[in-house]
């Protein structure tokens, strides 16, 4: 079929797929949001969400049961096939209380208004204990700058995914996070599946 130019409708008929010469279409000619997630392909980064929490807003704990640190992040996947890559970074201070103690961390996730479930549990083995202070006086302190947890999740939803960092102290210790002058940082990437 021959090319048909319609000046009234501003259309070109009869143009075959691939019929435009190389270099005709450039970035300026592509409409905003015209390249969809499916066209970008698996592995493409679809969005990045970042959250910074002031150290003064974070919690301390002496409990050996996990509680909220105050660091969390929300991300809404654009597709059920998307993966979520999460990093959570804090500075950790441990007061030993005169004995051996440590700090332990977990990542939990909820979808929309559902319940939180454990994604990464770092409390079960000694080699997963992120910080440790051995003996000494009650004022013995160890600071790590920073501690970073990383997780790769496949939530299979387009609902709001909330990820939060929880923590616990080893027996006899006190754990504080980041200090009033240091921020904690959470970042979530949506990656095309």
C-alpha atoms as a PDB file:
ATOM      1  CA  UNK A   1       0.000   0.000   0.000  1.00  0.00           C
ATOM      2  CA  UNK A   2       1.270   3.426  -0.914  1.00  0.00           C
ATOM      3  CA  UNK A   3       1.694   6.155   1.689  1.00  0.00           C
ATOM      4  CA  UNK A   4      -1.451   8.212   2.166  1.00  0.00           C
ATOM      5  CA  UNK A   5      -1.048  11.688   3.634  1.00  0.00           C
ATOM      6  CA  UNK A   6      -4.175  13.158   5.188  1.00  0.00           C
ATOM      7  CA  UNK A   7      -3.612  16.831   5.872  1.00  0.00           C
ATOM      8  CA  UNK A   8      -7.014  17.295   7.521  1.00  0.00           C
ATOM      9  CA  UNK A   9      -6.457  14.568  10.120  1.00  0.00           C
ATOM     10  CA  UNK A  10      -2.664  15.008  10.273  1.00  0.00           C
ATOM     11  CA  UNK A  11      -2.118  11.261   9.692  1.00  0.00           C
ATOM     12  CA  UNK A  12       0.072   9.104   7.481  1.00  0.00           C
ATOM     13  CA  UNK A  13      -1.489   5.880   6.243  1.00  0.00           C
ATOM     14  CA  UNK A  14       0.259   2.862   4.745  1.00  0.00           C
ATOM     15  CA  UNK A  15       3.495   3.257   6.725  1.00  0.00           C
ATOM     16  CA  UNK A  16       4.988  -0.191   7.459  1.00  0.00           C
ATOM     17  CA  UNK A  17       6.418  -1.159  10.858  1.00  0.00           C
ATOM     18  CA  UNK A  18      10.070  -0.143  10.813  1.00  0.00           C
ATOM     19  CA  UNK A  19       9.441   2.117   7.845  1.00  0.00           C
ATOM     20  CA  UNK A  20      11.003   5.196   9.385  1.00  0.00           C
ATOM     21  CA  UNK A  21      14.730   5.644   8.784  1.00  0.00           C
ATOM     22  CA  UNK A  22      17.128   5.480  11.729  1.00  0.00           C
ATOM     23  CA  UNK A  23      17.458   8.721  13.637  1.00  0.00           C
ATOM     24  CA  UNK A  24      13.955  10.020  12.837  1.00  0.00           C
ATOM     25  CA  UNK A  25      12.530   9.372  16.333  1.00  0.00           C
ATOM     26  CA  UNK A  26      14.518  10.898  19.198  1.00  0.00           C
ATOM     27  CA  UNK A  27      13.868  11.310  22.925  1.00  0.00           C
ATOM     28  CA  UNK A  28      11.929  14.550  22.450  1.00  0.00           C
ATOM     29  CA  UNK A  29       9.396  12.761  20.221  1.00  0.00           C
ATOM     30  CA  UNK A  30       8.502  10.139  22.860  1.00  0.00           C
ATOM     31  CA  UNK A  31       5.546  11.233  24.960  1.00  0.00           C
ATOM     32  CA  UNK A  32       5.934  11.319  28.742  1.00  0.00           C
ATOM     33  CA  UNK A  33       5.076   7.920  30.283  1.00  0.00           C
ATOM     34  CA  UNK A  34       4.842   6.365  26.810  1.00  0.00           C
ATOM     35  CA  UNK A  35       7.400   3.650  27.617  1.00  0.00           C
ATOM     36  CA  UNK A  36       5.523   1.323  29.972  1.00  0.00           C
ATOM     37  CA  UNK A  37       7.025  -1.085  32.513  1.00  0.00           C
ATOM     38  CA  UNK A  38       6.452  -4.040  30.198  1.00  0.00           C
ATOM     39  CA  UNK A  39       8.449  -2.294  27.433  1.00  0.00           C
ATOM     40  CA  UNK A  40      11.345  -1.550  29.781  1.00  0.00           C
ATOM     41  CA  UNK A  41      11.742  -5.271  30.476  1.00  0.00           C
ATOM     42  CA  UNK A  42      12.721  -7.404  33.468  1.00  0.00           C
ATOM     43  CA  UNK A  43      15.354  -5.877  35.710  1.00  0.00           C
ATOM     44  CA  UNK A  44      14.475  -2.253  34.942  1.00  0.00           C
ATOM     45  CA  UNK A  45      14.191   0.058  37.939  1.00  0.00           C
ATOM     46  CA  UNK A  46      10.628   1.364  37.902  1.00  0.00           C
ATOM     47  CA  UNK A  47      10.719   3.639  40.944  1.00  0.00           C
ATOM     48  CA  UNK A  48      12.875   4.525  43.935  1.00  0.00           C
ATOM     49  CA  UNK A  49      11.429   5.614  47.289  1.00  0.00           C
ATOM     50  CA  UNK A  50      13.640   7.123  49.977  1.00  0.00           C
ATOM     51  CA  UNK A  51      12.881   7.889  53.620  1.00  0.00           C
ATOM     52  CA  UNK A  52      15.124   9.599  56.154  1.00  0.00           C
ATOM     53  CA  UNK A  53      14.238   9.471  59.849  1.00  0.00           C
ATOM     54  CA  UNK A  54      15.899  11.824  62.329  1.00  0.00           C
ATOM     55  CA  UNK A  55      17.875  10.055  65.010  1.00  0.00           C
ATOM     56  CA  UNK A  56      15.829  11.828  67.678  1.00  0.00           C
ATOM     57  CA  UNK A  57      12.714  10.029  66.349  1.00  0.00           C
ATOM     58  CA  UNK A  58      14.216   6.549  66.741  1.00  0.00           C
ATOM     59  CA  UNK A  59      13.691   4.263  69.714  1.00  0.00           C
ATOM     60  CA  UNK A  60      15.881   2.681  72.388  1.00  0.00           C
ATOM     61  CA  UNK A  61      15.304  -0.785  73.798  1.00  0.00           C
ATOM     62  CA  UNK A  62      16.364  -3.022  76.644  1.00  0.00           C
ATOM     63  CA  UNK A  63      13.877  -5.711  75.608  1.00  0.00           C
ATOM     64  CA  UNK A  64      14.976  -9.085  74.278  1.00  0.00           C
ATOM     65  CA  UNK A  65      11.684  -9.159  72.309  1.00  0.00           C
ATOM     66  CA  UNK A  66      11.616  -7.335  68.988  1.00  0.00           C
ATOM     67  CA  UNK A  67      10.064  -3.875  68.869  1.00  0.00           C
ATOM     68  CA  UNK A  68       9.888  -1.045  66.327  1.00  0.00           C
ATOM     69  CA  UNK A  69      12.972   1.050  65.687  1.00  0.00           C
ATOM     70  CA  UNK A  70      10.945   3.898  64.163  1.00  0.00           C
ATOM     71  CA  UNK A  71      12.426   3.321  60.680  1.00  0.00           C
ATOM     72  CA  UNK A  72       9.988   2.278  57.945  1.00  0.00           C
ATOM     73  CA  UNK A  73       9.211   2.875  54.282  1.00  0.00           C
ATOM     74  CA  UNK A  74       6.151   2.519  52.004  1.00  0.00           C
ATOM     75  CA  UNK A  75       6.225   1.574  48.331  1.00  0.00           C
ATOM     76  CA  UNK A  76       3.368   0.671  45.956  1.00  0.00           C
ATOM     77  CA  UNK A  77       4.459  -1.740  43.201  1.00  0.00           C
ATOM     78  CA  UNK A  78       3.120  -1.033  39.726  1.00  0.00           C
ATOM     79  CA  UNK A  79       2.849  -4.756  38.898  1.00  0.00           C
ATOM     80  CA  UNK A  80       2.343  -8.014  40.785  1.00  0.00           C
ATOM     81  CA  UNK A  81       5.465  -9.375  39.082  1.00  0.00           C
ATOM     82  CA  UNK A  82       7.689  -6.615  40.475  1.00  0.00           C
ATOM     83  CA  UNK A  83      10.420  -7.262  43.020  1.00  0.00           C
ATOM     84  CA  UNK A  84      11.280  -4.869  45.832  1.00  0.00           C
ATOM     85  CA  UNK A  85      14.881  -4.284  46.891  1.00  0.00           C
ATOM     86  CA  UNK A  86      15.163  -2.703  50.345  1.00  0.00           C
ATOM     87  CA  UNK A  87      18.047  -1.216  52.311  1.00  0.00           C
ATOM     88  CA  UNK A  88      17.717  -0.027  55.901  1.00  0.00           C
ATOM     89  CA  UNK A  89      20.675   1.744  57.509  1.00  0.00           C
ATOM     90  CA  UNK A  90      21.129   2.846  61.126  1.00  0.00           C
ATOM     91  CA  UNK A  91      23.966   3.570  63.520  1.00  0.00           C
ATOM     92  CA  UNK A  92      23.879   1.313  66.562  1.00  0.00           C
ATOM     93  CA  UNK A  93      25.021   2.076  70.092  1.00  0.00           C
ATOM     94  CA  UNK A  94      25.077  -0.684  72.735  1.00  0.00           C
ATOM     95  CA  UNK A  95      25.447  -0.102  76.468  1.00  0.00           C
ATOM     96  CA  UNK A  96      26.632  -3.395  77.917  1.00  0.00           C
ATOM     97  CA  UNK A  97      25.277  -2.967  81.425  1.00  0.00           C
ATOM     98  CA  UNK A  98      28.415  -4.670  82.712  1.00  0.00           C
ATOM     99  CA  UNK A  99      27.882  -7.961  80.877  1.00  0.00           C
ATOM    100  CA  UNK A 100      28.052  -9.528  77.428  1.00  0.00           C
ATOM    101  CA  UNK A 101      25.264  -8.303  75.206  1.00  0.00           C
ATOM    102  CA  UNK A 102      24.346  -7.661  71.586  1.00  0.00           C
ATOM    103  CA  UNK A 103      21.670  -6.255  69.304  1.00  0.00           C
ATOM    104  CA  UNK A 104      19.476  -8.115  66.842  1.00  0.00           C
ATOM    105  CA  UNK A 105      17.462  -6.901  63.849  1.00  0.00           C
ATOM    106  CA  UNK A 106      14.587  -8.081  61.656  1.00  0.00           C
ATOM    107  CA  UNK A 107      12.668  -6.704  58.686  1.00  0.00           C
ATOM    108  CA  UNK A 108       8.881  -7.000  58.673  1.00  0.00           C
ATOM    109  CA  UNK A 109       6.406  -6.229  55.892  1.00  0.00           C
ATOM    110  CA  UNK A 110       2.693  -5.572  55.700  1.00  0.00           C
ATOM    111  CA  UNK A 111       0.508  -5.086  52.634  1.00  0.00           C
ATOM    112  CA  UNK A 112      -2.166  -2.385  52.809  1.00  0.00           C
ATOM    113  CA  UNK A 113      -3.851  -2.648  56.223  1.00  0.00           C
ATOM    114  CA  UNK A 114      -2.822  -6.266  56.815  1.00  0.00           C
ATOM    115  CA  UNK A 115      -0.585  -7.644  59.554  1.00  0.00           C
ATOM    116  CA  UNK A 116       3.187  -7.488  59.628  1.00  0.00           C
ATOM    117  CA  UNK A 117       5.064 -10.667  58.775  1.00  0.00           C
ATOM    118  CA  UNK A 118       8.738 -11.459  59.195  1.00  0.00           C
ATOM    119  CA  UNK A 119      10.876 -11.169  56.063  1.00  0.00           C
ATOM    120  CA  UNK A 120      14.394 -11.445  57.375  1.00  0.00           C
ATOM    121  CA  UNK A 121      15.120 -12.730  60.870  1.00  0.00           C
ATOM    122  CA  UNK A 122      18.630 -12.034  62.082  1.00  0.00           C
ATOM    123  CA  UNK A 123      18.205 -13.282  65.650  1.00  0.00           C
ATOM    124  CA  UNK A 124      18.836 -17.010  65.464  1.00  0.00           C
ATOM    125  CA  UNK A 125      22.593 -17.494  65.050  1.00  0.00           C
ATOM    126  CA  UNK A 126      25.643 -15.912  66.650  1.00  0.00           C
ATOM    127  CA  UNK A 127      27.156 -15.104  63.249  1.00  0.00           C
ATOM    128  CA  UNK A 128      24.053 -13.014  62.473  1.00  0.00           C
ATOM    129  CA  UNK A 129      24.370 -10.884  65.598  1.00  0.00           C
ATOM    130  CA  UNK A 130      25.070  -7.456  64.194  1.00  0.00           C
ATOM    131  CA  UNK A 131      26.703  -5.795  67.210  1.00  0.00           C
ATOM    132  CA  UNK A 132      28.290  -7.046  70.403  1.00  0.00           C
ATOM    133  CA  UNK A 133      29.853  -5.718  73.609  1.00  0.00           C
ATOM    134  CA  UNK A 134      31.750  -8.010  75.952  1.00  0.00           C
ATOM    135  CA  UNK A 135      31.838  -7.448  79.719  1.00  0.00           C
ATOM    136  CA  UNK A 136      33.429  -4.402  81.228  1.00  0.00           C
ATOM    137  CA  UNK A 137      31.754  -1.598  83.077  1.00  0.00           C
ATOM    138  CA  UNK A 138      28.134  -0.594  82.809  1.00  0.00           C
ATOM    139  CA  UNK A 139      29.244   2.298  80.621  1.00  0.00           C
ATOM    140  CA  UNK A 140      30.973   0.133  78.013  1.00  0.00           C
ATOM    141  CA  UNK A 141      29.717   1.238  74.602  1.00  0.00           C
ATOM    142  CA  UNK A 142      30.327   0.041  71.066  1.00  0.00           C
ATOM    143  CA  UNK A 143      29.224   2.080  68.053  1.00  0.00           C
ATOM    144  CA  UNK A 144      28.910   0.780  64.510  1.00  0.00           C
ATOM    145  CA  UNK A 145      28.635   3.313  61.721  1.00  0.00           C
ATOM    146  CA  UNK A 146      26.295   2.283  60.158  1.00  0.00           C
ATOM    147  CA  UNK A 147      24.581  -1.109  60.228  1.00  0.00           C
ATOM    148  CA  UNK A 148      22.830  -1.838  56.924  1.00  0.00           C
ATOM    149  CA  UNK A 149      20.241  -4.536  56.277  1.00  0.00           C
ATOM    150  CA  UNK A 150      19.396  -5.509  52.692  1.00  0.00           C
ATOM    151  CA  UNK A 151      16.503  -7.628  51.477  1.00  0.00           C
ATOM    152  CA  UNK A 152      15.041  -8.643  48.099  1.00  0.00           C
ATOM    153  CA  UNK A 153      11.293  -9.243  48.262  1.00  0.00           C
ATOM    154  CA  UNK A 154       8.609 -10.520  45.875  1.00  0.00           C
ATOM    155  CA  UNK A 155       5.338  -9.279  47.421  1.00  0.00           C
ATOM    156  CA  UNK A 156       3.115 -10.237  44.415  1.00  0.00           C
ATOM    157  CA  UNK A 157       0.807  -7.271  44.925  1.00  0.00           C
ATOM    158  CA  UNK A 158       0.018  -3.759  43.733  1.00  0.00           C
ATOM    159  CA  UNK A 159      -1.038  -2.792  47.253  1.00  0.00           C
ATOM    160  CA  UNK A 160       0.962  -0.515  49.534  1.00  0.00           C
ATOM    161  CA  UNK A 161       3.921  -2.443  50.974  1.00  0.00           C
ATOM    162  CA  UNK A 162       5.257  -1.134  54.277  1.00  0.00           C
ATOM    163  CA  UNK A 163       8.649  -2.379  55.417  1.00  0.00           C
ATOM    164  CA  UNK A 164       9.876  -1.692  58.924  1.00  0.00           C
ATOM    165  CA  UNK A 165      13.013  -2.407  60.903  1.00  0.00           C
ATOM    166  CA  UNK A 166      12.604  -4.052  64.304  1.00  0.00           C
ATOM    167  CA  UNK A 167      15.261  -4.718  66.925  1.00  0.00           C
ATOM    168  CA  UNK A 168      15.979  -6.365  70.263  1.00  0.00           C
ATOM    169  CA  UNK A 169      18.712  -6.128  72.861  1.00  0.00           C
ATOM    170  CA  UNK A 170      20.756  -8.957  74.204  1.00  0.00           C
ATOM    171  CA  UNK A 171      20.141  -9.771  77.861  1.00  0.00           C
ATOM    172  CA  UNK A 172      21.336  -7.031  80.192  1.00  0.00           C
ATOM    173  CA  UNK A 173      22.021  -4.440  77.539  1.00  0.00           C
ATOM    174  CA  UNK A 174      20.536  -1.251  76.162  1.00  0.00           C
ATOM    175  CA  UNK A 175      20.453  -0.557  72.419  1.00  0.00           C
ATOM    176  CA  UNK A 176      20.009   2.918  70.997  1.00  0.00           C
ATOM    177  CA  UNK A 177      19.948   3.890  67.334  1.00  0.00           C
ATOM    178  CA  UNK A 178      21.726   6.643  65.423  1.00  0.00           C
ATOM    179  CA  UNK A 179      21.879   9.238  68.179  1.00  0.00           C
ATOM    180  CA  UNK A 180      20.098  12.562  68.009  1.00  0.00           C
ATOM    181  CA  UNK A 181      22.573  13.923  65.444  1.00  0.00           C
ATOM    182  CA  UNK A 182      22.506  10.968  63.009  1.00  0.00           C
ATOM    183  CA  UNK A 183      19.728  10.038  60.589  1.00  0.00           C
ATOM    184  CA  UNK A 184      18.503   6.549  59.732  1.00  0.00           C
ATOM    185  CA  UNK A 185      17.860   5.843  56.066  1.00  0.00           C
ATOM    186  CA  UNK A 186      15.465   3.512  54.255  1.00  0.00           C
ATOM    187  CA  UNK A 187      15.415   3.074  50.476  1.00  0.00           C
ATOM    188  CA  UNK A 188      13.154   0.840  48.368  1.00  0.00           C
ATOM    189  CA  UNK A 189      13.552   0.101  44.657  1.00  0.00           C
ATOM    190  CA  UNK A 190      10.808  -1.434  42.499  1.00  0.00           C
ATOM    191  CA  UNK A 191      12.430  -3.719  39.930  1.00  0.00           C
ATOM    192  CA  UNK A 192      10.501  -5.045  36.922  1.00  0.00           C
ATOM    193  CA  UNK A 193       9.919  -8.830  37.165  1.00  0.00           C
END
